[in-house]
Amino acid sequence: MHRHEGPSPGKFIAGVTAAVTLAVTAAGFLISTFDDRPPWATDIAYEGGYILGSRIRGYDVDGSRTKALLAGECALMERQGMGGDRAAHDPAAWVAGCLDGAAGRPSGNQGLLD
């Protein structure tokens, strides 16, 4: 009876080399396509603004902060850098999310299909 121990060393090394080459090529393509910006950066920016706007709305007792957000404070906060790294991906989406959260509208990114 003969015991099979896998592919020959030459075939194994060739297979591993091909897999590594394919992985490096795919990683290079993704990096060259998206650079520092992830492919879902707009969603990240929108949700970051939405969460902040809805939190401020939730903790606003007298409604003054909510009115200020809707009157332009969301854009002011983004310009002052209060949106952080998430706003840097797509500032307009961050402001739109902040306005939606402050207004009490449902998130534009909820659901399975956009």
Protein backbone atom coordinates (compact mmCIF):
# COMPACT_ATOMS: atom_id res chain seq x y z
CA MET A 1 0.00 0.00 0.00
CA HIS A 2 1.33 3.44 -0.97
CA ARG A 3 0.75 6.44 1.22
CA HIS A 4 0.15 9.75 -0.61
CA GLU A 5 1.74 12.71 1.14
CA GLY A 6 0.55 15.58 -1.05
CA PRO A 7 2.02 17.28 -4.08
CA SER A 8 5.66 17.07 -4.91
CA PRO A 9 7.83 19.85 -3.47
CA GLY A 10 8.20 21.47 -6.91
CA LYS A 11 4.43 21.63 -7.46
CA PHE A 12 3.85 22.87 -3.90
CA ILE A 13 6.37 25.70 -4.25
CA ALA A 14 4.91 26.66 -7.65
CA GLY A 15 1.40 26.74 -6.17
CA VAL A 16 2.43 28.85 -3.19
CA THR A 17 4.35 31.23 -5.47
CA ALA A 18 1.33 31.62 -7.74
CA ALA A 19 -0.98 32.28 -4.77
CA VAL A 20 1.37 34.90 -3.28
CA THR A 21 1.80 36.58 -6.67
CA LEU A 22 -1.97 36.71 -7.14
CA ALA A 23 -2.49 38.17 -3.64
CA VAL A 24 0.18 40.84 -4.13
CA THR A 25 -1.26 41.76 -7.54
CA ALA A 26 -4.79 42.05 -6.11
CA ALA A 27 -3.55 44.15 -3.18
CA GLY A 28 -1.61 46.41 -5.56
CA PHE A 29 -4.69 46.89 -7.72
CA LEU A 30 -6.88 47.77 -4.74
CA ILE A 31 -4.31 50.20 -3.36
CA SER A 32 -3.86 51.89 -6.73
CA THR A 33 -7.62 52.15 -7.22
CA PHE A 34 -8.70 53.39 -3.80
CA ASP A 35 -5.43 54.77 -2.32
CA ASP A 36 -6.19 55.88 1.27
CA ARG A 37 -9.94 56.06 0.69
CA PRO A 38 -11.88 52.85 1.31
CA PRO A 39 -14.50 51.94 -1.31
CA TRP A 40 -17.34 52.54 1.17
CA ALA A 41 -15.98 55.92 2.38
CA THR A 42 -19.16 57.83 1.50
CA ASP A 43 -21.22 55.48 3.70
CA ILE A 44 -18.71 55.86 6.53
CA ALA A 45 -18.85 59.66 6.31
CA TYR A 46 -22.66 59.75 6.15
CA GLU A 47 -23.12 57.41 9.12
CA GLY A 48 -20.55 59.35 11.17
CA GLY A 49 -22.49 62.57 10.65
CA TYR A 50 -25.82 60.84 11.20
CA ILE A 51 -24.75 59.39 14.53
CA LEU A 52 -23.46 62.73 15.79
CA GLY A 53 -26.58 64.60 14.66
CA SER A 54 -28.94 62.07 16.21
CA ARG A 55 -26.99 62.01 19.48
CA ILE A 56 -27.11 65.77 19.77
CA ARG A 57 -30.83 65.67 19.00
CA GLY A 58 -31.37 62.97 21.63
CA TYR A 59 -29.60 64.86 24.38
CA ASP A 60 -30.99 68.30 23.46
CA VAL A 61 -33.49 69.11 26.20
CA ASP A 62 -34.80 72.46 24.98
CA GLY A 63 -34.33 72.01 21.22
CA SER A 64 -31.87 74.86 20.78
CA ARG A 65 -28.94 72.69 19.63
CA THR A 66 -31.14 70.84 17.16
CA LYS A 67 -32.33 74.10 15.63
CA ALA A 68 -28.72 75.31 15.44
CA LEU A 69 -27.65 72.09 13.67
CA LEU A 70 -30.39 72.48 11.11
CA ALA A 71 -29.55 76.16 10.65
CA GLY A 72 -25.99 75.41 9.57
CA GLU A 73 -24.04 74.20 12.57
CA CYS A 74 -23.48 70.81 10.93
CA ALA A 75 -21.49 72.45 8.14
CA LEU A 76 -19.69 74.67 10.64
CA MET A 77 -18.73 71.64 12.74
CA GLU A 78 -17.36 69.89 9.67
CA ARG A 79 -15.31 72.96 8.68
CA GLN A 80 -13.89 73.16 12.19
CA GLY A 81 -12.78 69.54 11.99
CA MET A 82 -15.24 68.16 14.52
CA GLY A 83 -16.25 65.40 12.11
CA GLY A 84 -12.88 63.71 12.47
CA ASP A 85 -11.49 61.15 10.06
CA ARG A 86 -14.93 60.06 8.94
CA ALA A 87 -15.80 63.51 7.63
CA ALA A 88 -12.49 63.66 5.77
CA HIS A 89 -13.62 60.84 3.45
CA ASP A 90 -16.59 62.80 2.10
CA PRO A 91 -17.43 66.10 3.86
CA ALA A 92 -20.69 66.64 1.98
CA ALA A 93 -21.98 63.19 2.95
CA TRP A 94 -21.00 63.84 6.58
CA VAL A 95 -22.98 67.09 6.62
CA ALA A 96 -25.97 65.38 4.95
CA GLY A 97 -25.88 62.63 7.59
CA CYS A 98 -25.64 65.20 10.38
CA LEU A 99 -28.65 67.07 9.00
CA ASP A 100 -30.67 63.85 8.66
CA GLY A 101 -29.81 62.80 12.20
CA ALA A 102 -30.62 66.23 13.62
CA ALA A 103 -33.94 66.33 11.76
CA GLY A 104 -34.91 62.90 13.07
CA ARG A 105 -35.12 61.33 9.62
CA PRO A 106 -34.16 57.68 9.21
CA SER A 107 -30.64 57.01 8.00
CA GLY A 108 -30.29 57.03 4.24
CA ASN A 109 -28.07 53.94 4.40
CA GLN A 110 -30.45 51.60 6.22
CA GLY A 111 -31.72 48.52 4.49
CA LEU A 112 -30.21 45.88 2.29
CA LEU A 113 -30.37 47.82 -0.96
CA ASP A 114 -29.34 51.42 -1.48
